[in-house]
Amino acid sequence: MDYRAEIQKGGRVTIPSVIRKKLNIAEGDIVTIREEHQALAQARALANQYLTHHDTIDDFLRWRKEEAAAEDDKMDRGFETK
């Protein structure tokens, strides 16, 4: 679930009360803010649209690597001299 918080003057942020209660955060507690990039999650979601429920991202990547190797091999054979 996503929550929104407005950045106040001086960079202050109020953590929504539902999160404070859920995480048992009280005045004076120290929290860590972690930056996470969502590009990988977005790429996985995009790839999942094209996979059957039996496939996994790892299966897809393995298949793509095999396809690339086969294409490279085909190109190499095209340049062989007879």
N, C-alpha and C. Protein backbone atom coordinates (compact mmCIF):
# COMPACT_ATOMS: atom_id res chain seq x y z
N MET A 1 0.85 -1.17 0.00
CA MET A 1 0.00 0.00 0.00
C MET A 1 0.90 1.23 0.00
N ASP A 2 0.50 2.25 -0.72
CA ASP A 2 1.26 3.49 -0.79
C ASP A 2 0.61 4.55 0.10
N TYR A 3 1.46 5.34 0.72
CA TYR A 3 1.01 6.47 1.52
C TYR A 3 1.73 7.71 1.02
N ARG A 4 1.08 8.84 1.14
CA ARG A 4 1.68 10.10 0.71
C ARG A 4 2.00 10.95 1.93
N ALA A 5 3.12 11.66 1.84
CA ALA A 5 3.50 12.60 2.90
C ALA A 5 4.10 13.83 2.23
N GLU A 6 3.70 14.98 2.71
CA GLU A 6 4.19 16.23 2.14
C GLU A 6 5.50 16.64 2.82
N ILE A 7 6.43 17.12 2.02
CA ILE A 7 7.68 17.63 2.56
C ILE A 7 7.41 19.06 3.05
N GLN A 8 7.68 19.30 4.31
CA GLN A 8 7.45 20.61 4.91
C GLN A 8 8.74 21.44 4.87
N LYS A 9 8.64 22.65 5.32
CA LYS A 9 9.78 23.56 5.39
C LYS A 9 10.93 22.88 6.13
N GLY A 10 12.12 23.04 5.57
CA GLY A 10 13.30 22.44 6.21
C GLY A 10 13.42 20.94 5.95
N GLY A 11 12.60 20.40 5.04
CA GLY A 11 12.68 18.99 4.71
C GLY A 11 11.96 18.08 5.69
N ARG A 12 11.17 18.63 6.56
CA ARG A 12 10.45 17.81 7.55
C ARG A 12 9.33 17.02 6.87
N VAL A 13 9.18 15.78 7.31
CA VAL A 13 8.13 14.90 6.79
C VAL A 13 7.38 14.31 7.97
N THR A 14 6.08 14.33 7.88
CA THR A 14 5.27 13.68 8.91
C THR A 14 4.90 12.29 8.40
N ILE A 15 5.29 11.28 9.16
CA ILE A 15 4.96 9.90 8.79
C ILE A 15 3.48 9.69 9.14
N PRO A 16 2.69 9.22 8.18
CA PRO A 16 1.26 9.03 8.46
C PRO A 16 1.02 8.17 9.71
N SER A 17 0.01 8.54 10.47
CA SER A 17 -0.25 7.88 11.76
C SER A 17 -0.47 6.37 11.60
N VAL A 18 -1.11 5.96 10.50
CA VAL A 18 -1.36 4.53 10.31
C VAL A 18 -0.03 3.76 10.22
N ILE A 19 0.97 4.37 9.61
CA ILE A 19 2.29 3.71 9.53
C ILE A 19 2.98 3.75 10.88
N ARG A 20 2.90 4.88 11.57
CA ARG A 20 3.53 4.98 12.90
C ARG A 20 2.95 3.93 13.85
N LYS A 21 1.63 3.77 13.79
CA LYS A 21 1.00 2.76 14.66
C LYS A 21 1.40 1.35 14.25
N LYS A 22 1.39 1.10 12.96
CA LYS A 22 1.71 -0.24 12.44
C LYS A 22 3.13 -0.64 12.81
N LEU A 23 4.06 0.32 12.73
CA LEU A 23 5.47 0.04 13.00
C LEU A 23 5.90 0.37 14.43
N ASN A 24 4.93 0.80 15.22
CA ASN A 24 5.19 1.15 16.61
C ASN A 24 6.29 2.21 16.73
N ILE A 25 6.17 3.24 15.92
CA ILE A 25 7.13 4.34 15.92
C ILE A 25 6.60 5.43 16.86
N ALA A 26 7.46 5.87 17.76
CA ALA A 26 7.06 6.90 18.72
C ALA A 26 8.01 8.09 18.63
N GLU A 27 7.60 9.20 19.23
CA GLU A 27 8.43 10.41 19.25
C GLU A 27 9.81 10.08 19.83
N GLY A 28 10.83 10.55 19.15
CA GLY A 28 12.21 10.31 19.59
C GLY A 28 12.84 9.09 18.96
N ASP A 29 12.05 8.22 18.35
CA ASP A 29 12.61 7.05 17.66
C ASP A 29 13.38 7.52 16.44
N ILE A 30 14.35 6.74 16.03
CA ILE A 30 15.14 7.02 14.84
C ILE A 30 14.70 6.06 13.74
N VAL A 31 14.44 6.59 12.56
CA VAL A 31 14.04 5.76 11.42
C VAL A 31 15.10 5.89 10.34
N THR A 32 15.18 4.89 9.50
CA THR A 32 16.09 4.89 8.37
C THR A 32 15.26 5.04 7.10
N ILE A 33 15.71 5.92 6.24
CA ILE A 33 15.04 6.11 4.95
C ILE A 33 15.95 5.52 3.89
N ARG A 34 15.43 4.60 3.11
CA ARG A 34 16.22 3.91 2.09
C ARG A 34 15.68 4.27 0.72
N GLU A 35 16.58 4.61 -0.18
CA GLU A 35 16.21 4.89 -1.55
C GLU A 35 16.23 3.57 -2.31
N GLU A 36 15.14 3.25 -2.97
CA GLU A 36 15.07 2.03 -3.76
C GLU A 36 14.65 2.39 -5.18
N HIS A 37 15.31 1.80 -6.12
CA HIS A 37 14.97 2.03 -7.52
C HIS A 37 13.97 0.96 -7.95
N GLN A 38 12.95 1.39 -8.62
CA GLN A 38 11.89 0.46 -9.00
C GLN A 38 12.00 -0.01 -10.43
N ALA A 39 13.10 0.31 -11.10
CA ALA A 39 13.24 -0.08 -12.50
C ALA A 39 13.18 -1.60 -12.66
N LEU A 40 13.85 -2.34 -11.78
CA LEU A 40 13.84 -3.80 -11.89
C LEU A 40 12.43 -4.34 -11.69
N ALA A 41 11.73 -3.83 -10.71
CA ALA A 41 10.35 -4.28 -10.47
C ALA A 41 9.47 -3.98 -11.67
N GLN A 42 9.66 -2.80 -12.28
CA GLN A 42 8.87 -2.45 -13.45
C GLN A 42 9.21 -3.35 -14.63
N ALA A 43 10.50 -3.67 -14.80
CA ALA A 43 10.91 -4.56 -15.88
C ALA A 43 10.34 -5.96 -15.69
N ARG A 44 10.36 -6.45 -14.45
CA ARG A 44 9.78 -7.77 -14.17
C ARG A 44 8.29 -7.77 -14.46
N ALA A 45 7.59 -6.72 -14.06
CA ALA A 45 6.15 -6.64 -14.31
C ALA A 45 5.87 -6.64 -15.81
N LEU A 46 6.67 -5.91 -16.57
CA LEU A 46 6.50 -5.88 -18.01
C LEU A 46 6.75 -7.26 -18.62
N ALA A 47 7.82 -7.92 -18.21
CA ALA A 47 8.14 -9.24 -18.73
C ALA A 47 7.06 -10.26 -18.35
N ASN A 48 6.52 -10.13 -17.15
CA ASN A 48 5.49 -11.08 -16.70
C ASN A 48 4.25 -11.07 -17.58
N GLN A 49 4.01 -9.98 -18.28
CA GLN A 49 2.86 -9.92 -19.17
C GLN A 49 2.98 -10.94 -20.31
N TYR A 50 4.21 -11.31 -20.64
CA TYR A 50 4.46 -12.18 -21.79
C TYR A 50 4.82 -13.61 -21.39
N LEU A 51 4.79 -13.90 -20.12
CA LEU A 51 5.15 -15.22 -19.65
C LEU A 51 3.90 -15.98 -19.22
N THR A 52 3.93 -17.31 -19.40
CA THR A 52 2.84 -18.11 -18.87
C THR A 52 3.05 -18.27 -17.37
N HIS A 53 2.06 -18.76 -16.69
CA HIS A 53 2.19 -18.90 -15.24
C HIS A 53 3.25 -19.93 -14.86
N HIS A 54 3.71 -20.74 -15.82
CA HIS A 54 4.75 -21.73 -15.53
C HIS A 54 6.15 -21.16 -15.72
N ASP A 55 6.23 -20.06 -16.44
CA ASP A 55 7.53 -19.45 -16.70
C ASP A 55 7.95 -18.56 -15.54
N THR A 56 9.24 -18.31 -15.47
CA THR A 56 9.76 -17.36 -14.51
C THR A 56 10.64 -16.38 -15.26
N ILE A 57 10.98 -15.30 -14.63
CA ILE A 57 11.89 -14.33 -15.24
C ILE A 57 13.21 -15.01 -15.55
N ASP A 58 13.69 -15.86 -14.65
CA ASP A 58 14.96 -16.57 -14.90
C ASP A 58 14.86 -17.45 -16.14
N ASP A 59 13.72 -18.11 -16.33
CA ASP A 59 13.53 -18.93 -17.53
C ASP A 59 13.58 -18.06 -18.78
N PHE A 60 12.93 -16.90 -18.70
CA PHE A 60 12.92 -15.98 -19.84
C PHE A 60 14.33 -15.51 -20.16
N LEU A 61 15.08 -15.11 -19.13
CA LEU A 61 16.44 -14.62 -19.35
C LEU A 61 17.34 -15.72 -19.90
N ARG A 62 17.18 -16.94 -19.41
CA ARG A 62 17.96 -18.07 -19.90
C ARG A 62 17.63 -18.33 -21.38
N TRP A 63 16.34 -18.30 -21.70
CA TRP A 63 15.92 -18.49 -23.09
C TRP A 63 16.50 -17.40 -23.98
N ARG A 64 16.46 -16.15 -23.53
CA ARG A 64 16.96 -15.04 -24.34
C ARG A 64 18.47 -15.16 -24.56
N LYS A 65 19.19 -15.61 -23.53
CA LYS A 65 20.64 -15.80 -23.65
C LYS A 65 20.94 -16.90 -24.67
N GLU A 66 20.16 -17.98 -24.63
CA GLU A 66 20.34 -19.06 -25.59
C GLU A 66 20.04 -18.58 -27.02
N GLU A 67 18.99 -17.78 -27.16
CA GLU A 67 18.65 -17.23 -28.47
C GLU A 67 19.77 -16.34 -29.00
N ALA A 68 20.33 -15.51 -28.14
CA ALA A 68 21.42 -14.62 -28.55
C ALA A 68 22.65 -15.42 -28.96
N ALA A 69 22.96 -16.49 -28.22
CA ALA A 69 24.10 -17.33 -28.56
C ALA A 69 23.88 -18.01 -29.91
N ALA A 70 22.65 -18.47 -30.14
CA ALA A 70 22.33 -19.11 -31.42
C ALA A 70 22.46 -18.12 -32.57
N GLU A 71 22.01 -16.88 -32.34
CA GLU A 71 22.14 -15.85 -33.37
C GLU A 71 23.61 -15.55 -33.66
N ASP A 72 24.42 -15.46 -32.60
CA ASP A 72 25.85 -15.22 -32.77
C ASP A 72 26.51 -16.36 -33.55
N ASP A 73 26.14 -17.58 -33.20
CA ASP A 73 26.70 -18.75 -33.88
C ASP A 73 26.32 -18.74 -35.36
N LYS A 74 25.09 -18.40 -35.65
CA LYS A 74 24.62 -18.33 -37.03
C LYS A 74 25.40 -17.27 -37.80
N MET A 75 25.63 -16.12 -37.18
CA MET A 75 26.40 -15.05 -37.82
C MET A 75 27.84 -15.50 -38.07
N ASP A 76 28.43 -16.17 -37.07
CA ASP A 76 29.82 -16.64 -37.22
C ASP A 76 29.94 -17.63 -38.38
N ARG A 77 28.97 -18.54 -38.51
CA ARG A 77 29.00 -19.51 -39.59
C ARG A 77 28.84 -18.84 -40.95
N GLY A 78 28.13 -17.73 -40.99
CA GLY A 78 27.94 -17.00 -42.24
C GLY A 78 29.24 -16.37 -42.75
N PHE A 79 30.19 -16.16 -41.84
CA PHE A 79 31.45 -15.54 -42.23
C PHE A 79 32.57 -16.53 -42.44
N GLU A 80 32.28 -17.82 -42.25
CA GLU A 80 33.31 -18.83 -42.47
C GLU A 80 33.62 -18.94 -43.96
N THR A 81 34.89 -19.17 -44.25
CA THR A 81 35.28 -19.37 -45.65
C THR A 81 35.31 -20.86 -45.95
N LYS A 82 34.98 -21.16 -47.20
CA LYS A 82 34.93 -22.58 -47.57
C LYS A 82 36.15 -22.95 -48.36
